[in-house]
């Protein structure tokens, strides 16, 4: 009798604690994010915001770089500009490369001798 009661109590506890509820979990790396732009060096971030607006959102691989490199590449096809008053992509080139020189990043076209800065 005592054993039957214990089994019933145990079964009731399992039923009560075993009910799972589906809870939405936020993606740790959403497809579009303002944080990818916020993490850019300030001089590059200013260029992106000037082209796309303050609410720009970058997709995965918008920013690419090689480890221990002085070069950062942006792919504007992976950039969303919500609220920006632009037609088409409105960003000119689809890709842009920045080269670090003297501790700051510059658009690669700004340097005639950019090959001197690539390592």
PDB file of N, CA and C in Angstrom:
ATOM      1  N   UNK A   1       0.824  -1.183   0.000  1.00  0.00           N
ATOM      2  CA  UNK A   1       0.000   0.000   0.000  1.00  0.00           C
ATOM      3  C   UNK A   1       0.878   1.259   0.000  1.00  0.00           C
ATOM      4  N   UNK A   2       1.851   1.278   0.886  1.00  0.00           N
ATOM      5  CA  UNK A   2       2.753   2.423   0.956  1.00  0.00           C
ATOM      6  C   UNK A   2       3.539   2.559  -0.344  1.00  0.00           C
ATOM      7  N   UNK A   3       3.911   1.420  -0.879  1.00  0.00           N
ATOM      8  CA  UNK A   3       4.658   1.447  -2.143  1.00  0.00           C
ATOM      9  C   UNK A   3       3.803   2.008  -3.269  1.00  0.00           C
ATOM     10  N   UNK A   4       2.544   1.656  -3.317  1.00  0.00           N
ATOM     11  CA  UNK A   4       1.629   2.148  -4.343  1.00  0.00           C
ATOM     12  C   UNK A   4       1.469   3.660  -4.227  1.00  0.00           C
ATOM     13  N   UNK A   5       1.333   4.152  -2.990  1.00  0.00           N
ATOM     14  CA  UNK A   5       1.211   5.596  -2.784  1.00  0.00           C
ATOM     15  C   UNK A   5       2.475   6.328  -3.254  1.00  0.00           C
ATOM     16  N   UNK A   6       3.613   5.759  -2.946  1.00  0.00           N
ATOM     17  CA  UNK A   6       4.879   6.379  -3.351  1.00  0.00           C
ATOM     18  C   UNK A   6       5.004   6.416  -4.870  1.00  0.00           C
ATOM     19  N   UNK A   7       4.597   5.353  -5.540  1.00  0.00           N
ATOM     20  CA  UNK A   7       4.656   5.305  -6.998  1.00  0.00           C
ATOM     21  C   UNK A   7       3.707   6.341  -7.589  1.00  0.00           C
ATOM     22  N   UNK A   8       2.496   6.462  -7.013  1.00  0.00           N
ATOM     23  CA  UNK A   8       1.537   7.444  -7.514  1.00  0.00           C
ATOM     24  C   UNK A   8       2.030   8.878  -7.280  1.00  0.00           C
ATOM     25  N   UNK A   9       2.608   9.124  -6.119  1.00  0.00           N
ATOM     26  CA  UNK A   9       3.146  10.457  -5.827  1.00  0.00           C
ATOM     27  C   UNK A   9       4.301  10.758  -6.787  1.00  0.00           C
ATOM     28  N   UNK A  10       5.162   9.794  -6.986  1.00  0.00           N
ATOM     29  CA  UNK A  10       6.286   9.975  -7.911  1.00  0.00           C
ATOM     30  C   UNK A  10       5.801  10.242  -9.331  1.00  0.00           C
ATOM     31  N   UNK A  11       4.781   9.503  -9.773  1.00  0.00           N
ATOM     32  CA  UNK A  11       4.228   9.700 -11.120  1.00  0.00           C
ATOM     33  C   UNK A  11       3.599  11.093 -11.241  1.00  0.00           C
ATOM     34  N   UNK A  12       2.898  11.521 -10.188  1.00  0.00           N
ATOM     35  CA  UNK A  12       2.271  12.847 -10.207  1.00  0.00           C
ATOM     36  C   UNK A  12       3.343  13.940 -10.280  1.00  0.00           C
ATOM     37  N   UNK A  13       4.415  13.768  -9.542  1.00  0.00           N
ATOM     38  CA  UNK A  13       5.507  14.752  -9.585  1.00  0.00           C
ATOM     39  C   UNK A  13       6.155  14.801 -10.961  1.00  0.00           C
ATOM     40  N   UNK A  14       6.339  13.658 -11.569  1.00  0.00           N
ATOM     41  CA  UNK A  14       6.905  13.624 -12.915  1.00  0.00           C
ATOM     42  C   UNK A  14       6.009  14.345 -13.914  1.00  0.00           C
ATOM     43  N   UNK A  15       4.706  14.133 -13.798  1.00  0.00           N
ATOM     44  CA  UNK A  15       3.773  14.784 -14.716  1.00  0.00           C
ATOM     45  C   UNK A  15       3.802  16.296 -14.503  1.00  0.00           C
ATOM     46  N   UNK A  16       3.807  16.722 -13.245  1.00  0.00           N
ATOM     47  CA  UNK A  16       3.783  18.156 -12.954  1.00  0.00           C
ATOM     48  C   UNK A  16       5.080  18.852 -13.365  1.00  0.00           C
ATOM     49  N   UNK A  17       6.205  18.223 -13.113  1.00  0.00           N
ATOM     50  CA  UNK A  17       7.484  18.856 -13.444  1.00  0.00           C
ATOM     51  C   UNK A  17       7.914  18.579 -14.871  1.00  0.00           C
ATOM     52  N   UNK A  18       7.326  17.592 -15.509  1.00  0.00           N
ATOM     53  CA  UNK A  18       7.741  17.212 -16.852  1.00  0.00           C
ATOM     54  C   UNK A  18       7.058  18.000 -17.960  1.00  0.00           C
ATOM     55  N   UNK A  19       6.125  18.866 -17.613  1.00  0.00           N
ATOM     56  CA  UNK A  19       5.442  19.638 -18.642  1.00  0.00           C
ATOM     57  C   UNK A  19       6.384  20.731 -19.144  1.00  0.00           C
ATOM     58  N   UNK A  20       6.768  20.608 -20.382  1.00  0.00           N
ATOM     59  CA  UNK A  20       7.680  21.586 -20.978  1.00  0.00           C
ATOM     60  C   UNK A  20       6.879  22.665 -21.683  1.00  0.00           C
ATOM     61  N   UNK A  21       7.381  23.842 -21.589  1.00  0.00           N
ATOM     62  CA  UNK A  21       6.758  24.957 -22.299  1.00  0.00           C
ATOM     63  C   UNK A  21       7.751  25.458 -23.341  1.00  0.00           C
ATOM     64  N   UNK A  22       7.235  25.694 -24.520  1.00  0.00           N
ATOM     65  CA  UNK A  22       8.085  26.230 -25.579  1.00  0.00           C
ATOM     66  C   UNK A  22       8.339  27.708 -25.299  1.00  0.00           C
ATOM     67  N   UNK A  23       9.601  28.073 -25.272  1.00  0.00           N
ATOM     68  CA  UNK A  23       9.982  29.454 -25.022  1.00  0.00           C
ATOM     69  C   UNK A  23      10.890  29.897 -26.165  1.00  0.00           C
ATOM     70  N   UNK A  24      10.554  31.019 -26.726  1.00  0.00           N
ATOM     71  CA  UNK A  24      11.390  31.546 -27.818  1.00  0.00           C
ATOM     72  C   UNK A  24      12.740  31.969 -27.250  1.00  0.00           C
ATOM     73  N   UNK A  25      13.782  31.605 -27.959  1.00  0.00           N
ATOM     74  CA  UNK A  25      15.137  31.956 -27.552  1.00  0.00           C
ATOM     75  C   UNK A  25      15.721  32.866 -28.618  1.00  0.00           C
ATOM     76  N   UNK A  26      16.216  33.992 -28.182  1.00  0.00           N
ATOM     77  CA  UNK A  26      16.804  34.934 -29.136  1.00  0.00           C
ATOM     78  C   UNK A  26      18.083  34.348 -29.722  1.00  0.00           C
ATOM     79  N   UNK A  27      18.240  34.537 -30.999  1.00  0.00           N
ATOM     80  CA  UNK A  27      19.436  34.056 -31.671  1.00  0.00           C
ATOM     81  C   UNK A  27      20.650  34.800 -31.130  1.00  0.00           C
ATOM     82  N   UNK A  28      21.728  34.081 -30.910  1.00  0.00           N
ATOM     83  CA  UNK A  28      22.929  34.724 -30.383  1.00  0.00           C
ATOM     84  C   UNK A  28      23.648  35.528 -31.469  1.00  0.00           C
ATOM     85  N   UNK A  29      23.389  35.228 -32.720  1.00  0.00           N
ATOM     86  CA  UNK A  29      24.003  35.960 -33.817  1.00  0.00           C
ATOM     87  C   UNK A  29      22.941  36.171 -34.897  1.00  0.00           C
ATOM     88  N   UNK A  30      22.120  37.215 -34.749  1.00  0.00           N
ATOM     89  CA  UNK A  30      21.028  37.424 -35.690  1.00  0.00           C
ATOM     90  C   UNK A  30      21.548  37.707 -37.098  1.00  0.00           C
ATOM     91  N   UNK A  31      20.722  37.471 -38.119  1.00  0.00           N
ATOM     92  CA  UNK A  31      21.168  37.671 -39.496  1.00  0.00           C
ATOM     93  C   UNK A  31      21.533  39.122 -39.804  1.00  0.00           C
ATOM     94  N   UNK A  32      20.838  40.082 -39.206  1.00  0.00           N
ATOM     95  CA  UNK A  32      21.116  41.511 -39.409  1.00  0.00           C
ATOM     96  C   UNK A  32      21.350  42.141 -38.054  1.00  0.00           C
ATOM     97  N   UNK A  33      22.401  42.950 -37.952  1.00  0.00           N
ATOM     98  CA  UNK A  33      22.759  43.497 -36.652  1.00  0.00           C
ATOM     99  C   UNK A  33      23.444  44.859 -36.778  1.00  0.00           C
ATOM    100  N   UNK A  34      23.074  45.770 -35.891  1.00  0.00           N
ATOM    101  CA  UNK A  34      23.778  47.057 -35.803  1.00  0.00           C
ATOM    102  C   UNK A  34      25.109  46.887 -35.073  1.00  0.00           C
ATOM    103  N   UNK A  35      25.219  45.845 -34.269  1.00  0.00           N
ATOM    104  CA  UNK A  35      26.442  45.621 -33.490  1.00  0.00           C
ATOM    105  C   UNK A  35      27.659  45.375 -34.382  1.00  0.00           C
ATOM    106  N   UNK A  36      27.454  44.762 -35.543  1.00  0.00           N
ATOM    107  CA  UNK A  36      28.586  44.538 -36.444  1.00  0.00           C
ATOM    108  C   UNK A  36      29.179  45.863 -36.910  1.00  0.00           C
ATOM    109  N   UNK A  37      28.353  46.866 -37.038  1.00  0.00           N
ATOM    110  CA  UNK A  37      28.832  48.191 -37.425  1.00  0.00           C
ATOM    111  C   UNK A  37      29.446  48.902 -36.219  1.00  0.00           C
ATOM    112  N   UNK A  38      28.836  48.752 -35.060  1.00  0.00           N
ATOM    113  CA  UNK A  38      29.347  49.391 -33.845  1.00  0.00           C
ATOM    114  C   UNK A  38      30.748  48.903 -33.482  1.00  0.00           C
ATOM    115  N   UNK A  39      31.090  47.688 -33.882  1.00  0.00           N
ATOM    116  CA  UNK A  39      32.412  47.131 -33.550  1.00  0.00           C
ATOM    117  C   UNK A  39      33.509  47.566 -34.524  1.00  0.00           C
ATOM    118  N   UNK A  40      33.144  48.259 -35.581  1.00  0.00           N
ATOM    119  CA  UNK A  40      34.149  48.728 -36.545  1.00  0.00           C
ATOM    120  C   UNK A  40      35.024  49.813 -35.931  1.00  0.00           C
ATOM    121  N   UNK A  41      36.245  49.966 -36.415  1.00  0.00           N
ATOM    122  CA  UNK A  41      37.056  51.106 -35.985  1.00  0.00           C
ATOM    123  C   UNK A  41      36.289  52.399 -36.296  1.00  0.00           C
ATOM    124  N   UNK A  42      36.458  53.447 -35.464  1.00  0.00           N
ATOM    125  CA  UNK A  42      35.649  54.661 -35.607  1.00  0.00           C
ATOM    126  C   UNK A  42      35.682  55.290 -37.003  1.00  0.00           C
ATOM    127  N   UNK A  43      36.842  55.324 -37.644  1.00  0.00           N
ATOM    128  CA  UNK A  43      36.921  55.963 -38.955  1.00  0.00           C
ATOM    129  C   UNK A  43      36.151  55.191 -40.015  1.00  0.00           C
ATOM    130  N   UNK A  44      36.085  53.869 -39.901  1.00  0.00           N
ATOM    131  CA  UNK A  44      35.312  53.061 -40.854  1.00  0.00           C
ATOM    132  C   UNK A  44      33.823  53.168 -40.518  1.00  0.00           C
ATOM    133  N   UNK A  45      33.494  53.140 -39.229  1.00  0.00           N
ATOM    134  CA  UNK A  45      32.098  53.265 -38.804  1.00  0.00           C
ATOM    135  C   UNK A  45      31.498  54.582 -39.330  1.00  0.00           C
ATOM    136  N   UNK A  46      32.250  55.675 -39.262  1.00  0.00           N
ATOM    137  CA  UNK A  46      31.753  56.966 -39.758  1.00  0.00           C
ATOM    138  C   UNK A  46      31.430  56.904 -41.252  1.00  0.00           C
ATOM    139  N   UNK A  47      32.254  56.213 -42.028  1.00  0.00           N
ATOM    140  CA  UNK A  47      32.016  56.077 -43.472  1.00  0.00           C
ATOM    141  C   UNK A  47      30.716  55.314 -43.715  1.00  0.00           C
ATOM    142  N   UNK A  48      30.522  54.206 -42.989  1.00  0.00           N
ATOM    143  CA  UNK A  48      29.320  53.380 -43.176  1.00  0.00           C
ATOM    144  C   UNK A  48      28.076  54.168 -42.794  1.00  0.00           C
ATOM    145  N   UNK A  49      28.108  54.849 -41.668  1.00  0.00           N
ATOM    146  CA  UNK A  49      26.941  55.620 -41.219  1.00  0.00           C
ATOM    147  C   UNK A  49      26.651  56.770 -42.183  1.00  0.00           C
ATOM    148  N   UNK A  50      27.691  57.393 -42.716  1.00  0.00           N
ATOM    149  CA  UNK A  50      27.490  58.474 -43.686  1.00  0.00           C
ATOM    150  C   UNK A  50      26.817  57.958 -44.959  1.00  0.00           C
ATOM    151  N   UNK A  51      27.126  56.732 -45.357  1.00  0.00           N
ATOM    152  CA  UNK A  51      26.560  56.162 -46.582  1.00  0.00           C
ATOM    153  C   UNK A  51      25.170  55.581 -46.366  1.00  0.00           C
ATOM    154  N   UNK A  52      24.907  55.088 -45.155  1.00  0.00           N
ATOM    155  CA  UNK A  52      23.701  54.283 -44.951  1.00  0.00           C
ATOM    156  C   UNK A  52      22.765  54.828 -43.881  1.00  0.00           C
ATOM    157  N   UNK A  53      23.228  55.701 -43.036  1.00  0.00           N
ATOM    158  CA  UNK A  53      22.382  56.231 -41.978  1.00  0.00           C
ATOM    159  C   UNK A  53      22.676  55.592 -40.636  1.00  0.00           C
ATOM    160  N   UNK A  54      22.117  56.199 -39.614  1.00  0.00           N
ATOM    161  CA  UNK A  54      22.398  55.785 -38.233  1.00  0.00           C
ATOM    162  C   UNK A  54      21.812  54.420 -37.879  1.00  0.00           C
ATOM    163  N   UNK A  55      20.832  53.957 -38.650  1.00  0.00           N
ATOM    164  CA  UNK A  55      20.178  52.687 -38.314  1.00  0.00           C
ATOM    165  C   UNK A  55      20.635  51.544 -39.211  1.00  0.00           C
ATOM    166  N   UNK A  56      21.815  51.676 -39.762  1.00  0.00           N
ATOM    167  CA  UNK A  56      22.357  50.656 -40.657  1.00  0.00           C
ATOM    168  C   UNK A  56      22.475  49.320 -39.930  1.00  0.00           C
ATOM    169  N   UNK A  57      22.182  48.246 -40.665  1.00  0.00           N
ATOM    170  CA  UNK A  57      22.303  46.890 -40.140  1.00  0.00           C
ATOM    171  C   UNK A  57      23.152  46.073 -41.100  1.00  0.00           C
ATOM    172  N   UNK A  58      24.112  45.366 -40.542  1.00  0.00           N
ATOM    173  CA  UNK A  58      25.026  44.568 -41.356  1.00  0.00           C
ATOM    174  C   UNK A  58      24.693  43.086 -41.232  1.00  0.00           C
ATOM    175  N   UNK A  59      24.809  42.400 -42.353  1.00  0.00           N
ATOM    176  CA  UNK A  59      24.618  40.957 -42.371  1.00  0.00           C
ATOM    177  C   UNK A  59      25.922  40.240 -42.057  1.00  0.00           C
ATOM    178  N   UNK A  60      25.822  38.926 -41.953  1.00  0.00           N
ATOM    179  CA  UNK A  60      27.023  38.117 -41.745  1.00  0.00           C
ATOM    180  C   UNK A  60      28.007  38.393 -42.878  1.00  0.00           C
ATOM    181  N   UNK A  61      29.262  38.478 -42.562  1.00  0.00           N
ATOM    182  CA  UNK A  61      30.351  38.675 -43.531  1.00  0.00           C
ATOM    183  C   UNK A  61      30.322  40.037 -44.231  1.00  0.00           C
ATOM    184  N   UNK A  62      29.587  41.000 -43.677  1.00  0.00           N
ATOM    185  CA  UNK A  62      29.678  42.372 -44.192  1.00  0.00           C
ATOM    186  C   UNK A  62      31.114  42.865 -44.043  1.00  0.00           C
ATOM    187  N   UNK A  63      31.731  42.524 -42.921  1.00  0.00           N
ATOM    188  CA  UNK A  63      33.117  42.901 -42.641  1.00  0.00           C
ATOM    189  C   UNK A  63      33.967  41.646 -42.690  1.00  0.00           C
ATOM    190  N   UNK A  64      35.031  41.676 -43.485  1.00  0.00           N
ATOM    191  CA  UNK A  64      35.983  40.560 -43.501  1.00  0.00           C
ATOM    192  C   UNK A  64      37.388  41.118 -43.388  1.00  0.00           C
ATOM    193  N   UNK A  65      38.236  40.330 -42.797  1.00  0.00           N
ATOM    194  CA  UNK A  65      39.637  40.711 -42.642  1.00  0.00           C
ATOM    195  C   UNK A  65      40.449  39.461 -42.422  1.00  0.00           C
ATOM    196  N   UNK A  66      41.718  39.552 -42.699  1.00  0.00           N
ATOM    197  CA  UNK A  66      42.629  38.445 -42.454  1.00  0.00           C
ATOM    198  C   UNK A  66      43.263  38.646 -41.082  1.00  0.00           C
ATOM    199  N   UNK A  67      43.493  37.570 -40.382  1.00  0.00           N
ATOM    200  CA  UNK A  67      44.114  37.633 -39.063  1.00  0.00           C
ATOM    201  C   UNK A  67      45.469  38.345 -39.174  1.00  0.00           C
ATOM    202  N   UNK A  68      45.735  39.251 -38.239  1.00  0.00           N
ATOM    203  CA  UNK A  68      46.984  40.025 -38.199  1.00  0.00           C
ATOM    204  C   UNK A  68      47.227  40.800 -39.495  1.00  0.00           C
ATOM    205  N   UNK A  69      46.159  41.312 -40.085  1.00  0.00           N
ATOM    206  CA  UNK A  69      46.271  42.059 -41.326  1.00  0.00           C
ATOM    207  C   UNK A  69      45.949  43.527 -41.079  1.00  0.00           C
ATOM    208  N   UNK A  70      46.400  44.371 -41.958  1.00  0.00           N
ATOM    209  CA  UNK A  70      46.094  45.796 -41.907  1.00  0.00           C
ATOM    210  C   UNK A  70      44.977  46.158 -42.875  1.00  0.00           C
ATOM    211  N   UNK A  71      44.230  45.167 -43.329  1.00  0.00           N
ATOM    212  CA  UNK A  71      43.203  45.382 -44.348  1.00  0.00           C
ATOM    213  C   UNK A  71      41.850  44.910 -43.818  1.00  0.00           C
ATOM    214  N   UNK A  72      40.828  45.752 -44.009  1.00  0.00           N
ATOM    215  CA  UNK A  72      39.441  45.398 -43.687  1.00  0.00           C
ATOM    216  C   UNK A  72      38.633  45.611 -44.952  1.00  0.00           C
ATOM    217  N   UNK A  73      37.793  44.617 -45.291  1.00  0.00           N
ATOM    218  CA  UNK A  73      36.953  44.703 -46.483  1.00  0.00           C
ATOM    219  C   UNK A  73      35.483  44.767 -46.069  1.00  0.00           C
ATOM    220  N   UNK A  74      34.726  45.638 -46.736  1.00  0.00           N
ATOM    221  CA  UNK A  74      33.287  45.749 -46.510  1.00  0.00           C
ATOM    222  C   UNK A  74      32.562  45.332 -47.784  1.00  0.00           C
ATOM    223  N   UNK A  75      31.489  44.573 -47.623  1.00  0.00           N
ATOM    224  CA  UNK A  75      30.651  44.163 -48.749  1.00  0.00           C
ATOM    225  C   UNK A  75      29.289  44.823 -48.569  1.00  0.00           C
ATOM    226  N   UNK A  76      29.046  45.926 -49.287  1.00  0.00           N
ATOM    227  CA  UNK A  76      27.834  46.713 -49.114  1.00  0.00           C
ATOM    228  C   UNK A  76      26.575  45.984 -49.559  1.00  0.00           C
ATOM    229  N   UNK A  77      26.705  44.871 -50.278  1.00  0.00           N
ATOM    230  CA  UNK A  77      25.511  44.097 -50.620  1.00  0.00           C
ATOM    231  C   UNK A  77      24.936  43.425 -49.371  1.00  0.00           C
ATOM    232  N   UNK A  78      25.722  43.396 -48.299  1.00  0.00           N
ATOM    233  CA  UNK A  78      25.280  42.796 -47.036  1.00  0.00           C
ATOM    234  C   UNK A  78      24.970  43.870 -45.997  1.00  0.00           C
ATOM    235  N   UNK A  79      24.499  45.023 -46.467  1.00  0.00           N
ATOM    236  CA  UNK A  79      24.172  46.133 -45.594  1.00  0.00           C
ATOM    237  C   UNK A  79      22.749  46.586 -45.875  1.00  0.00           C
ATOM    238  N   UNK A  80      21.952  46.730 -44.823  1.00  0.00           N
ATOM    239  CA  UNK A  80      20.596  47.252 -44.941  1.00  0.00           C
ATOM    240  C   UNK A  80      20.576  48.661 -44.376  1.00  0.00           C
ATOM    241  N   UNK A  81      19.869  49.536 -45.076  1.00  0.00           N
ATOM    242  CA  UNK A  81      19.796  50.936 -44.671  1.00  0.00           C
ATOM    243  C   UNK A  81      18.358  51.328 -44.385  1.00  0.00           C
ATOM    244  N   UNK A  82      17.768  50.871 -43.277  1.00  0.00           N
ATOM    245  CA  UNK A  82      16.369  51.215 -42.993  1.00  0.00           C
ATOM    246  C   UNK A  82      16.222  52.714 -42.756  1.00  0.00           C
ATOM    247  N   UNK A  83      15.243  53.283 -43.413  1.00  0.00           N
ATOM    248  CA  UNK A  83      14.953  54.695 -43.218  1.00  0.00           C
ATOM    249  C   UNK A  83      15.842  55.630 -44.003  1.00  0.00           C
ATOM    250  N   UNK A  84      16.859  55.121 -44.682  1.00  0.00           N
ATOM    251  CA  UNK A  84      17.739  55.989 -45.457  1.00  0.00           C
ATOM    252  C   UNK A  84      17.023  56.414 -46.735  1.00  0.00           C
ATOM    253  N   UNK A  85      17.230  57.646 -47.145  1.00  0.00           N
ATOM    254  CA  UNK A  85      16.594  58.146 -48.366  1.00  0.00           C
ATOM    255  C   UNK A  85      17.529  57.911 -49.540  1.00  0.00           C
ATOM    256  N   UNK A  86      17.609  56.664 -49.976  1.00  0.00           N
ATOM    257  CA  UNK A  86      18.460  56.315 -51.112  1.00  0.00           C
ATOM    258  C   UNK A  86      17.651  55.471 -52.079  1.00  0.00           C
ATOM    259  N   UNK A  87      17.997  55.536 -53.347  1.00  0.00           N
ATOM    260  CA  UNK A  87      17.355  54.667 -54.327  1.00  0.00           C
ATOM    261  C   UNK A  87      18.360  53.614 -54.754  1.00  0.00           C
ATOM    262  N   UNK A  88      17.893  52.441 -55.080  1.00  0.00           N
ATOM    263  CA  UNK A  88      18.806  51.331 -55.381  1.00  0.00           C
ATOM    264  C   UNK A  88      19.602  51.012 -54.145  1.00  0.00           C
ATOM    265  N   UNK A  89      20.868  50.654 -54.351  1.00  0.00           N
ATOM    266  CA  UNK A  89      21.677  50.402 -53.166  1.00  0.00           C
ATOM    267  C   UNK A  89      22.240  51.710 -52.626  1.00  0.00           C
ATOM    268  N   UNK A  90      22.320  52.756 -53.448  1.00  0.00           N
ATOM    269  CA  UNK A  90      22.692  54.076 -52.998  1.00  0.00           C
ATOM    270  C   UNK A  90      24.067  54.179 -52.372  1.00  0.00           C
ATOM    271  N   UNK A  91      24.875  53.163 -52.514  1.00  0.00           N
ATOM    272  CA  UNK A  91      26.141  53.161 -51.802  1.00  0.00           C
ATOM    273  C   UNK A  91      27.339  53.244 -52.738  1.00  0.00           C
ATOM    274  N   UNK A  92      27.107  53.398 -54.015  1.00  0.00           N
ATOM    275  CA  UNK A  92      28.245  53.450 -54.928  1.00  0.00           C
ATOM    276  C   UNK A  92      28.823  52.065 -55.129  1.00  0.00           C
ATOM    277  N   UNK A  93      30.075  51.889 -54.764  1.00  0.00           N
ATOM    278  CA  UNK A  93      30.735  50.590 -54.923  1.00  0.00           C
ATOM    279  C   UNK A  93      30.077  49.534 -54.048  1.00  0.00           C
ATOM    280  N   UNK A  94      30.074  48.305 -54.529  1.00  0.00           N
ATOM    281  CA  UNK A  94      29.527  47.208 -53.732  1.00  0.00           C
ATOM    282  C   UNK A  94      30.506  46.745 -52.664  1.00  0.00           C
ATOM    283  N   UNK A  95      31.795  46.949 -52.898  1.00  0.00           N
ATOM    284  CA  UNK A  95      32.804  46.543 -51.923  1.00  0.00           C
ATOM    285  C   UNK A  95      33.783  47.685 -51.724  1.00  0.00           C
ATOM    286  N   UNK A  96      34.321  47.748 -50.521  1.00  0.00           N
ATOM    287  CA  UNK A  96      35.308  48.785 -50.226  1.00  0.00           C
ATOM    288  C   UNK A  96      36.365  48.187 -49.306  1.00  0.00           C
ATOM    289  N   UNK A  97      37.588  48.579 -49.538  1.00  0.00           N
ATOM    290  CA  UNK A  97      38.709  48.074 -48.751  1.00  0.00           C
ATOM    291  C   UNK A  97      39.348  49.235 -48.004  1.00  0.00           C
ATOM    292  N   UNK A  98      39.651  48.989 -46.739  1.00  0.00           N
ATOM    293  CA  UNK A  98      40.329  49.973 -45.906  1.00  0.00           C
ATOM    294  C   UNK A  98      41.681  49.408 -45.490  1.00  0.00           C
ATOM    295  N   UNK A  99      42.674  50.274 -45.457  1.00  0.00           N
ATOM    296  CA  UNK A  99      44.034  49.872 -45.110  1.00  0.00           C
ATOM    297  C   UNK A  99      44.465  50.683 -43.893  1.00  0.00           C
ATOM    298  N   UNK A 100      45.064  49.998 -42.912  1.00  0.00           N
ATOM    299  CA  UNK A 100      45.549  50.691 -41.717  1.00  0.00           C
ATOM    300  C   UNK A 100      46.951  51.230 -41.971  1.00  0.00           C
ATOM    301  N   UNK A 101      47.102  52.499 -41.664  1.00  0.00           N
ATOM    302  CA  UNK A 101      48.400  53.155 -41.799  1.00  0.00           C
ATOM    303  C   UNK A 101      48.506  54.185 -40.680  1.00  0.00           C
ATOM    304  N   UNK A 102      49.560  54.118 -39.913  1.00  0.00           N
ATOM    305  CA  UNK A 102      49.744  55.061 -38.820  1.00  0.00           C
ATOM    306  C   UNK A 102      48.673  54.939 -37.746  1.00  0.00           C
ATOM    307  N   UNK A 103      48.144  53.736 -37.549  1.00  0.00           N
ATOM    308  CA  UNK A 103      47.153  53.504 -36.513  1.00  0.00           C
ATOM    309  C   UNK A 103      45.723  53.846 -36.901  1.00  0.00           C
ATOM    310  N   UNK A 104      45.500  54.320 -38.122  1.00  0.00           N
ATOM    311  CA  UNK A 104      44.156  54.655 -38.593  1.00  0.00           C
ATOM    312  C   UNK A 104      43.876  53.925 -39.896  1.00  0.00           C
ATOM    313  N   UNK A 105      42.589  53.741 -40.167  1.00  0.00           N
ATOM    314  CA  UNK A 105      42.185  53.097 -41.420  1.00  0.00           C
ATOM    315  C   UNK A 105      41.777  54.145 -42.442  1.00  0.00           C
ATOM    316  N   UNK A 106      42.200  53.912 -43.689  1.00  0.00           N
ATOM    317  CA  UNK A 106      41.882  54.789 -44.805  1.00  0.00           C
ATOM    318  C   UNK A 106      41.331  53.945 -45.941  1.00  0.00           C
ATOM    319  N   UNK A 107      40.403  54.492 -46.750  1.00  0.00           N
ATOM    320  CA  UNK A 107      39.973  53.746 -47.938  1.00  0.00           C
ATOM    321  C   UNK A 107      41.189  53.464 -48.807  1.00  0.00           C
ATOM    322  N   UNK A 108      41.272  52.273 -49.353  1.00  0.00           N
ATOM    323  CA  UNK A 108      42.467  51.885 -50.107  1.00  0.00           C
ATOM    324  C   UNK A 108      42.684  52.786 -51.314  1.00  0.00           C
ATOM    325  N   UNK A 109      41.626  53.322 -51.900  1.00  0.00           N
ATOM    326  CA  UNK A 109      41.787  54.207 -53.052  1.00  0.00           C
ATOM    327  C   UNK A 109      42.379  55.550 -52.639  1.00  0.00           C
ATOM    328  N   UNK A 110      42.417  55.840 -51.333  1.00  0.00           N
ATOM    329  CA  UNK A 110      42.989  57.102 -50.853  1.00  0.00           C
ATOM    330  C   UNK A 110      44.512  57.071 -50.901  1.00  0.00           C
ATOM    331  N   UNK A 111      45.069  55.865 -51.029  1.00  0.00           N
ATOM    332  CA  UNK A 111      46.527  55.714 -51.066  1.00  0.00           C
ATOM    333  C   UNK A 111      46.946  55.259 -52.450  1.00  0.00           C
ATOM    334  N   UNK A 112      47.753  56.059 -53.061  1.00  0.00           N
ATOM    335  CA  UNK A 112      48.246  55.693 -54.386  1.00  0.00           C
ATOM    336  C   UNK A 112      49.150  54.476 -54.286  1.00  0.00           C
ATOM    337  N   UNK A 113      49.912  54.392 -53.216  1.00  0.00           N
ATOM    338  CA  UNK A 113      50.860  53.300 -53.027  1.00  0.00           C
ATOM    339  C   UNK A 113      50.365  52.358 -51.935  1.00  0.00           C
ATOM    340  N   UNK A 114      49.130  51.897 -52.051  1.00  0.00           N
ATOM    341  CA  UNK A 114      48.572  51.064 -50.993  1.00  0.00           C
ATOM    342  C   UNK A 114      49.364  49.786 -50.800  1.00  0.00           C
ATOM    343  N   UNK A 115      50.030  49.281 -51.831  1.00  0.00           N
ATOM    344  CA  UNK A 115      50.809  48.054 -51.677  1.00  0.00           C
ATOM    345  C   UNK A 115      51.907  48.214 -50.636  1.00  0.00           C
ATOM    346  N   UNK A 116      52.311  49.442 -50.344  1.00  0.00           N
ATOM    347  CA  UNK A 116      53.324  49.655 -49.311  1.00  0.00           C
ATOM    348  C   UNK A 116      52.774  49.390 -47.911  1.00  0.00           C
ATOM    349  N   UNK A 117      51.447  49.478 -47.777  1.00  0.00           N
ATOM    350  CA  UNK A 117      50.849  49.331 -46.454  1.00  0.00           C
ATOM    351  C   UNK A 117      50.352  47.925 -46.195  1.00  0.00           C
ATOM    352  N   UNK A 118      50.226  47.096 -47.213  1.00  0.00           N
ATOM    353  CA  UNK A 118      49.720  45.737 -47.043  1.00  0.00           C
ATOM    354  C   UNK A 118      50.817  44.849 -46.505  1.00  0.00           C
ATOM    355  N   UNK A 119      50.466  44.073 -45.519  1.00  0.00           N
ATOM    356  CA  UNK A 119      51.444  43.136 -44.950  1.00  0.00           C
ATOM    357  C   UNK A 119      50.926  41.733 -45.020  1.00  0.00           C
TER     358      UNK A 119
END
